Amino acid sequence: MARKPRIYLPFDSWPAEDQARWQAAVKVGDRFDGSGPGSHLAEATRRNLWISYARFLGFISANRQDLLGLRPDARIDRLIVAEYAAWRRRSCGDAMVAVDLDGLRGALRLI
């Protein structure tokens, strides 16, 4: 059985502010340079959060490009989350949608 293609926006296609916020959030520094709030997370956890956010940006890019110019916190609301969840349900089950929404929430908290 062939795997379904992954639908997400590659990092270099993210809006500049999102890229900068993500890099700052996962920055690992020393005691003097400071670290981002996600620097303590395991690499696998960071990757899962990144994928969830990249999928959300893929949805925005394909369906709501008008939102890409907004700050990350300004482009999400209950209606957008409902649209995103419905879009994800076309390619996965409810359990995976829930996992993905939790990852999206985690990524948004970091950035």
N, C-alpha and C. Protein backbone atom coordinates (compact mmCIF):
# COMPACT_ATOMS: atom_id res chain seq x y z
N MET A 1 0.85 -1.18 0.00
CA MET A 1 0.00 0.00 0.00
C MET A 1 0.90 1.24 0.00
N ALA A 2 0.63 2.14 -0.89
CA ALA A 2 1.43 3.37 -0.99
C ALA A 2 1.04 4.35 0.11
N ARG A 3 2.05 5.05 0.60
CA ARG A 3 1.79 6.08 1.61
C ARG A 3 1.15 7.29 0.96
N LYS A 4 0.28 7.96 1.73
CA LYS A 4 -0.30 9.19 1.25
C LYS A 4 0.77 10.27 1.28
N PRO A 5 0.75 11.16 0.29
CA PRO A 5 1.74 12.23 0.31
C PRO A 5 1.53 13.14 1.51
N ARG A 6 2.63 13.68 2.02
CA ARG A 6 2.54 14.60 3.15
C ARG A 6 2.21 15.99 2.61
N ILE A 7 1.21 16.59 3.21
CA ILE A 7 0.78 17.91 2.77
C ILE A 7 1.19 18.91 3.84
N TYR A 8 2.23 19.64 3.55
CA TYR A 8 2.67 20.69 4.46
C TYR A 8 3.45 21.74 3.68
N LEU A 9 3.60 22.90 4.27
CA LEU A 9 4.35 23.97 3.64
C LEU A 9 5.81 23.86 4.08
N PRO A 10 6.74 23.72 3.13
CA PRO A 10 8.16 23.63 3.50
C PRO A 10 8.59 24.88 4.27
N PHE A 11 9.54 24.70 5.17
CA PHE A 11 9.97 25.79 6.04
C PHE A 11 10.38 27.03 5.27
N ASP A 12 11.09 26.86 4.16
CA ASP A 12 11.55 28.04 3.42
C ASP A 12 10.40 28.76 2.70
N SER A 13 9.20 28.18 2.72
CA SER A 13 8.02 28.84 2.15
C SER A 13 7.13 29.47 3.23
N TRP A 14 7.47 29.24 4.50
CA TRP A 14 6.71 29.86 5.59
C TRP A 14 6.86 31.38 5.50
N PRO A 15 5.87 32.13 5.98
CA PRO A 15 6.06 33.58 6.08
C PRO A 15 7.29 33.88 6.94
N ALA A 16 7.99 34.96 6.61
CA ALA A 16 9.24 35.31 7.30
C ALA A 16 9.06 35.39 8.81
N GLU A 17 7.97 35.97 9.27
CA GLU A 17 7.76 36.09 10.72
C GLU A 17 7.63 34.73 11.37
N ASP A 18 6.95 33.81 10.72
CA ASP A 18 6.79 32.45 11.27
C ASP A 18 8.15 31.76 11.34
N GLN A 19 8.96 31.90 10.29
CA GLN A 19 10.29 31.31 10.31
C GLN A 19 11.11 31.86 11.47
N ALA A 20 11.10 33.17 11.62
CA ALA A 20 11.90 33.80 12.69
C ALA A 20 11.40 33.38 14.07
N ARG A 21 10.09 33.33 14.24
CA ARG A 21 9.54 32.92 15.54
C ARG A 21 9.88 31.46 15.85
N TRP A 22 9.78 30.60 14.83
CA TRP A 22 10.10 29.19 15.06
C TRP A 22 11.57 29.03 15.45
N GLN A 23 12.45 29.67 14.69
CA GLN A 23 13.88 29.55 14.99
C GLN A 23 14.20 30.08 16.38
N ALA A 24 13.57 31.17 16.78
CA ALA A 24 13.79 31.71 18.13
C ALA A 24 13.23 30.77 19.19
N ALA A 25 12.12 30.13 18.90
CA ALA A 25 11.48 29.24 19.88
C ALA A 25 12.30 28.00 20.17
N VAL A 26 13.01 27.49 19.15
CA VAL A 26 13.76 26.24 19.35
C VAL A 26 15.26 26.47 19.48
N LYS A 27 15.66 27.73 19.55
CA LYS A 27 17.08 28.05 19.66
C LYS A 27 17.67 27.46 20.94
N VAL A 28 18.78 26.78 20.77
CA VAL A 28 19.50 26.22 21.91
C VAL A 28 20.73 27.10 22.12
N GLY A 29 20.77 27.72 23.25
CA GLY A 29 21.89 28.59 23.57
C GLY A 29 22.54 28.17 24.87
N ASP A 30 23.57 28.87 25.22
CA ASP A 30 24.19 28.56 26.51
C ASP A 30 23.59 29.48 27.57
N ARG A 31 24.12 29.41 28.74
CA ARG A 31 23.61 30.16 29.88
C ARG A 31 23.56 31.67 29.61
N PHE A 32 24.44 32.15 28.77
CA PHE A 32 24.54 33.59 28.54
C PHE A 32 23.77 34.04 27.29
N ASP A 33 23.70 33.19 26.29
CA ASP A 33 23.00 33.54 25.05
C ASP A 33 21.49 33.43 25.18
N GLY A 34 21.04 32.57 26.05
CA GLY A 34 19.62 32.32 26.18
C GLY A 34 19.14 31.28 25.19
N SER A 35 18.09 30.61 25.56
CA SER A 35 17.50 29.58 24.72
C SER A 35 16.03 29.91 24.52
N GLY A 36 15.47 29.35 23.46
CA GLY A 36 14.05 29.54 23.20
C GLY A 36 13.22 28.65 24.11
N PRO A 37 11.93 28.94 24.21
CA PRO A 37 11.06 28.15 25.09
C PRO A 37 10.92 26.69 24.70
N GLY A 38 11.27 26.34 23.47
CA GLY A 38 11.19 24.94 23.04
C GLY A 38 12.53 24.25 22.98
N SER A 39 13.57 24.91 23.47
CA SER A 39 14.91 24.32 23.38
C SER A 39 15.06 23.05 24.21
N HIS A 40 14.27 22.90 25.25
CA HIS A 40 14.37 21.73 26.13
C HIS A 40 13.66 20.50 25.56
N LEU A 41 12.86 20.70 24.51
CA LEU A 41 12.08 19.59 23.96
C LEU A 41 12.97 18.62 23.19
N ALA A 42 12.61 17.37 23.24
CA ALA A 42 13.33 16.35 22.47
C ALA A 42 13.18 16.66 20.98
N GLU A 43 14.15 16.27 20.21
CA GLU A 43 14.13 16.53 18.77
C GLU A 43 12.86 15.97 18.13
N ALA A 44 12.43 14.78 18.54
CA ALA A 44 11.22 14.18 17.96
C ALA A 44 9.99 15.03 18.28
N THR A 45 9.93 15.57 19.48
CA THR A 45 8.81 16.43 19.87
C THR A 45 8.82 17.70 19.03
N ARG A 46 9.98 18.32 18.89
CA ARG A 46 10.08 19.53 18.06
C ARG A 46 9.65 19.23 16.63
N ARG A 47 10.07 18.10 16.12
CA ARG A 47 9.71 17.72 14.74
C ARG A 47 8.21 17.54 14.61
N ASN A 48 7.57 16.89 15.58
CA ASN A 48 6.12 16.70 15.53
C ASN A 48 5.38 18.03 15.58
N LEU A 49 5.84 18.95 16.42
CA LEU A 49 5.22 20.28 16.48
C LEU A 49 5.42 21.02 15.16
N TRP A 50 6.63 20.91 14.61
CA TRP A 50 6.93 21.55 13.34
C TRP A 50 6.02 21.04 12.24
N ILE A 51 5.86 19.71 12.16
CA ILE A 51 5.01 19.11 11.13
C ILE A 51 3.56 19.56 11.29
N SER A 52 3.06 19.59 12.51
CA SER A 52 1.68 20.04 12.73
C SER A 52 1.50 21.48 12.26
N TYR A 53 2.46 22.33 12.58
CA TYR A 53 2.35 23.73 12.16
C TYR A 53 2.54 23.86 10.65
N ALA A 54 3.45 23.09 10.08
CA ALA A 54 3.67 23.14 8.63
C ALA A 54 2.43 22.65 7.88
N ARG A 55 1.72 21.67 8.43
CA ARG A 55 0.47 21.21 7.81
C ARG A 55 -0.57 22.31 7.85
N PHE A 56 -0.66 22.97 9.01
CA PHE A 56 -1.62 24.06 9.13
C PHE A 56 -1.30 25.16 8.11
N LEU A 57 -0.02 25.51 7.98
CA LEU A 57 0.35 26.52 7.00
C LEU A 57 0.08 26.04 5.57
N GLY A 58 0.23 24.75 5.33
CA GLY A 58 -0.13 24.19 4.02
C GLY A 58 -1.61 24.38 3.73
N PHE A 59 -2.44 24.14 4.73
CA PHE A 59 -3.88 24.37 4.59
C PHE A 59 -4.16 25.84 4.31
N ILE A 60 -3.54 26.72 5.09
CA ILE A 60 -3.74 28.16 4.91
C ILE A 60 -3.30 28.58 3.51
N SER A 61 -2.15 28.09 3.09
CA SER A 61 -1.61 28.44 1.79
C SER A 61 -2.53 27.99 0.65
N ALA A 62 -3.12 26.82 0.79
CA ALA A 62 -3.98 26.27 -0.26
C ALA A 62 -5.40 26.82 -0.23
N ASN A 63 -5.89 27.16 0.97
CA ASN A 63 -7.31 27.48 1.11
C ASN A 63 -7.63 28.90 1.60
N ARG A 64 -6.71 29.51 2.28
CA ARG A 64 -6.97 30.84 2.87
C ARG A 64 -5.73 31.72 2.77
N GLN A 65 -5.24 31.92 1.56
CA GLN A 65 -4.02 32.70 1.37
C GLN A 65 -4.13 34.11 1.94
N ASP A 66 -5.34 34.61 2.06
CA ASP A 66 -5.53 35.94 2.64
C ASP A 66 -5.01 36.02 4.07
N LEU A 67 -4.86 34.89 4.73
CA LEU A 67 -4.41 34.88 6.13
C LEU A 67 -2.89 34.83 6.27
N LEU A 68 -2.19 34.47 5.20
CA LEU A 68 -0.73 34.31 5.31
C LEU A 68 -0.01 35.60 5.71
N GLY A 69 -0.54 36.75 5.36
CA GLY A 69 0.10 38.01 5.70
C GLY A 69 -0.11 38.45 7.14
N LEU A 70 -0.95 37.74 7.87
CA LEU A 70 -1.23 38.09 9.27
C LEU A 70 -0.21 37.46 10.21
N ARG A 71 -0.11 38.02 11.41
CA ARG A 71 0.73 37.41 12.45
C ARG A 71 0.17 36.01 12.75
N PRO A 72 1.02 35.10 13.21
CA PRO A 72 0.55 33.74 13.49
C PRO A 72 -0.66 33.70 14.43
N ASP A 73 -0.66 34.51 15.48
CA ASP A 73 -1.78 34.47 16.42
C ASP A 73 -3.03 35.13 15.87
N ALA A 74 -2.90 35.97 14.85
CA ALA A 74 -4.05 36.65 14.27
C ALA A 74 -4.72 35.83 13.18
N ARG A 75 -4.09 34.80 12.69
CA ARG A 75 -4.67 34.04 11.58
C ARG A 75 -5.44 32.81 12.06
N ILE A 76 -5.53 32.61 13.35
CA ILE A 76 -6.23 31.42 13.83
C ILE A 76 -7.38 31.83 14.75
N ASP A 77 -8.52 31.21 14.50
CA ASP A 77 -9.69 31.38 15.37
C ASP A 77 -10.51 30.10 15.28
N ARG A 78 -11.63 30.06 15.96
CA ARG A 78 -12.43 28.83 16.00
C ARG A 78 -12.88 28.38 14.61
N LEU A 79 -13.27 29.33 13.77
CA LEU A 79 -13.73 28.99 12.43
C LEU A 79 -12.61 28.38 11.60
N ILE A 80 -11.44 28.97 11.67
CA ILE A 80 -10.29 28.45 10.91
C ILE A 80 -9.92 27.06 11.41
N VAL A 81 -9.93 26.86 12.73
CA VAL A 81 -9.61 25.54 13.29
C VAL A 81 -10.64 24.51 12.81
N ALA A 82 -11.92 24.89 12.78
CA ALA A 82 -12.96 23.97 12.30
C ALA A 82 -12.74 23.64 10.82
N GLU A 83 -12.41 24.64 10.01
CA GLU A 83 -12.13 24.40 8.59
C GLU A 83 -10.91 23.48 8.43
N TYR A 84 -9.88 23.75 9.23
CA TYR A 84 -8.66 22.94 9.16
C TYR A 84 -8.95 21.50 9.56
N ALA A 85 -9.71 21.30 10.64
CA ALA A 85 -10.03 19.95 11.09
C ALA A 85 -10.83 19.20 10.02
N ALA A 86 -11.77 19.87 9.38
CA ALA A 86 -12.55 19.24 8.30
C ALA A 86 -11.65 18.88 7.13
N TRP A 87 -10.70 19.75 6.82
CA TRP A 87 -9.74 19.49 5.73
C TRP A 87 -8.87 18.28 6.07
N ARG A 88 -8.40 18.19 7.31
CA ARG A 88 -7.56 17.06 7.74
C ARG A 88 -8.35 15.75 7.73
N ARG A 89 -9.64 15.81 8.07
CA ARG A 89 -10.46 14.59 8.12
C ARG A 89 -10.58 13.92 6.75
N ARG A 90 -10.30 14.65 5.69
CA ARG A 90 -10.34 14.04 4.35
C ARG A 90 -9.18 13.08 4.13
N SER A 91 -8.12 13.22 4.95
CA SER A 91 -6.94 12.36 4.75
C SER A 91 -6.59 11.50 5.96
N CYS A 92 -7.28 11.68 7.08
CA CYS A 92 -6.97 10.87 8.26
C CYS A 92 -8.19 10.80 9.17
N GLY A 93 -8.09 9.94 10.18
CA GLY A 93 -9.20 9.75 11.11
C GLY A 93 -9.21 10.77 12.24
N ASP A 94 -10.26 10.69 13.03
CA ASP A 94 -10.45 11.64 14.12
C ASP A 94 -9.31 11.64 15.13
N ALA A 95 -8.76 10.46 15.43
CA ALA A 95 -7.67 10.40 16.41
C ALA A 95 -6.46 11.17 15.91
N MET A 96 -6.13 11.03 14.64
CA MET A 96 -4.98 11.75 14.09
C MET A 96 -5.26 13.25 14.02
N VAL A 97 -6.50 13.62 13.73
CA VAL A 97 -6.86 15.05 13.72
C VAL A 97 -6.64 15.62 15.11
N ALA A 98 -7.04 14.89 16.14
CA ALA A 98 -6.86 15.35 17.52
C ALA A 98 -5.37 15.50 17.85
N VAL A 99 -4.57 14.54 17.45
CA VAL A 99 -3.12 14.61 17.68
C VAL A 99 -2.54 15.82 16.95
N ASP A 100 -2.97 16.02 15.72
CA ASP A 100 -2.46 17.14 14.93
C ASP A 100 -2.88 18.48 15.53
N LEU A 101 -4.11 18.60 16.00
CA LEU A 101 -4.56 19.84 16.63
C LEU A 101 -3.79 20.12 17.92
N ASP A 102 -3.48 19.07 18.66
CA ASP A 102 -2.67 19.25 19.86
C ASP A 102 -1.26 19.73 19.49
N GLY A 103 -0.69 19.17 18.43
CA GLY A 103 0.61 19.63 17.96
C GLY A 103 0.57 21.06 17.48
N LEU A 104 -0.50 21.43 16.80
CA LEU A 104 -0.65 22.82 16.35
C LEU A 104 -0.72 23.76 17.54
N ARG A 105 -1.49 23.38 18.55
CA ARG A 105 -1.59 24.19 19.77
C ARG A 105 -0.22 24.34 20.42
N GLY A 106 0.53 23.25 20.50
CA GLY A 106 1.87 23.30 21.09
C GLY A 106 2.81 24.20 20.30
N ALA A 107 2.74 24.12 18.97
CA ALA A 107 3.61 24.97 18.14
C ALA A 107 3.24 26.43 18.31
N LEU A 108 1.95 26.73 18.32
CA LEU A 108 1.52 28.12 18.49
C LEU A 108 1.93 28.68 19.85
N ARG A 109 1.91 27.84 20.87
CA ARG A 109 2.36 28.31 22.19
C ARG A 109 3.83 28.66 22.18
N LEU A 110 4.62 27.92 21.41
CA LEU A 110 6.06 28.22 21.33
C LEU A 110 6.34 29.51 20.59
N ILE A 111 5.60 29.72 19.51
CA ILE A 111 5.90 30.90 18.69
C ILE A 111 5.05 32.09 19.09
